[in-house]
Amino acid sequence: MRVSVTIEDPDTRDEDLRVQGSVTGCSVRGRDFGPVINGRTSEMLCHHVTNHTGLVFVTDPSGNADTLAFRFGPCDEGFTSR
């Protein structure tokens, strides 16, 4: 599973944005805990038997922040854009 987040902040360089998040039922190496989304593109392992809910937080150096919630279901194919 690959999660890509498109972020637009005209007065901040991409590398200066802090991106962090998690997805229920997913991990980076299979059984680890903690944030699985740590950049604009993150790859993770997710089981394929239930729905997954994700939440991404983005913060710029000035403290401005935004969030994105998403959900995908068992054995989905393709991608979703929100």
Protein backbone atom coordinates (compact mmCIF):
# COMPACT_ATOMS: atom_id res chain seq x y z
CA MET A 1 0.00 0.00 0.00
CA ARG A 2 1.36 3.42 -0.91
CA VAL A 3 -0.13 6.62 0.50
CA SER A 4 0.70 9.86 -1.31
CA VAL A 5 -0.32 13.25 0.03
CA THR A 6 -0.28 16.30 -2.23
CA ILE A 7 0.48 19.42 -0.21
CA GLU A 8 0.39 22.96 -1.54
CA ASP A 9 1.85 25.77 0.54
CA PRO A 10 3.04 28.63 -1.69
CA ASP A 11 5.27 30.27 0.93
CA THR A 12 6.95 27.11 2.32
CA ARG A 13 9.40 24.69 0.70
CA ASP A 14 8.18 21.08 0.61
CA GLU A 15 11.11 19.87 2.71
CA ASP A 16 10.18 22.34 5.48
CA LEU A 17 6.70 20.85 5.95
CA ARG A 18 6.26 18.26 8.70
CA VAL A 19 4.01 15.38 7.62
CA GLN A 20 2.94 12.69 10.08
CA GLY A 21 0.05 10.28 10.35
CA SER A 22 -1.25 6.79 10.87
CA VAL A 23 -3.62 4.26 9.36
CA THR A 24 -5.54 1.69 11.42
CA GLY A 25 -4.40 -1.87 10.77
CA CYS A 26 -1.22 -0.79 8.94
CA SER A 27 2.45 -0.73 9.88
CA VAL A 28 5.82 -0.11 8.27
CA ARG A 29 7.42 -3.51 8.91
CA GLY A 30 4.45 -5.69 9.86
CA ARG A 31 4.23 -5.46 13.65
CA ASP A 32 5.62 -2.07 14.63
CA PHE A 33 3.70 0.76 16.26
CA GLY A 34 3.74 4.52 15.75
CA PRO A 35 3.29 6.81 12.77
CA VAL A 36 3.34 5.04 9.42
CA ILE A 37 3.03 8.24 7.39
CA ASN A 38 6.14 10.36 7.79
CA GLY A 39 6.44 12.21 4.49
CA ARG A 40 4.62 13.16 1.32
CA THR A 41 4.82 9.53 0.16
CA SER A 42 4.92 6.59 2.58
CA GLU A 43 4.71 2.86 1.99
CA MET A 44 3.12 0.53 4.55
CA LEU A 45 1.76 -2.94 5.07
CA CYS A 46 -2.03 -3.24 5.56
CA HIS A 47 -4.17 -6.34 5.99
CA HIS A 48 -6.95 -6.70 3.43
CA VAL A 49 -9.92 -7.97 5.44
CA THR A 50 -11.44 -4.80 6.95
CA ASN A 51 -11.74 -1.07 6.34
CA HIS A 52 -8.80 1.17 7.24
CA THR A 53 -9.04 4.75 8.50
CA GLY A 54 -6.14 7.16 8.12
CA LEU A 55 -5.30 10.60 9.44
CA VAL A 56 -2.48 12.86 8.20
CA PHE A 57 -1.23 16.00 9.96
CA VAL A 58 0.79 18.66 8.12
CA THR A 59 2.51 21.57 9.88
CA ASP A 60 4.66 24.36 8.46
CA PRO A 61 7.49 26.16 10.32
CA SER A 62 5.11 29.03 11.24
CA GLY A 63 2.82 26.62 13.10
CA ASN A 64 0.04 26.58 10.50
CA ALA A 65 -1.49 23.11 10.30
CA ASP A 66 -4.04 21.07 8.44
CA THR A 67 -5.34 17.50 8.56
CA LEU A 68 -6.64 14.98 6.08
CA ALA A 69 -8.81 11.99 6.98
CA PHE A 70 -9.31 9.11 4.54
CA ARG A 71 -10.65 5.58 4.44
CA PHE A 72 -10.24 2.56 2.19
CA GLY A 73 -11.81 -0.86 2.28
CA PRO A 74 -10.85 -4.48 1.85
CA CYS A 75 -9.06 -5.41 -1.37
CA ASP A 76 -9.60 -2.04 -3.03
CA GLU A 77 -7.77 -1.56 -6.31
CA GLY A 78 -6.55 1.68 -7.80
CA PHE A 79 -6.37 4.92 -5.87
CA THR A 80 -8.53 7.53 -4.23
CA SER A 81 -8.06 11.27 -4.21
CA ARG A 82 -9.56 13.64 -1.66
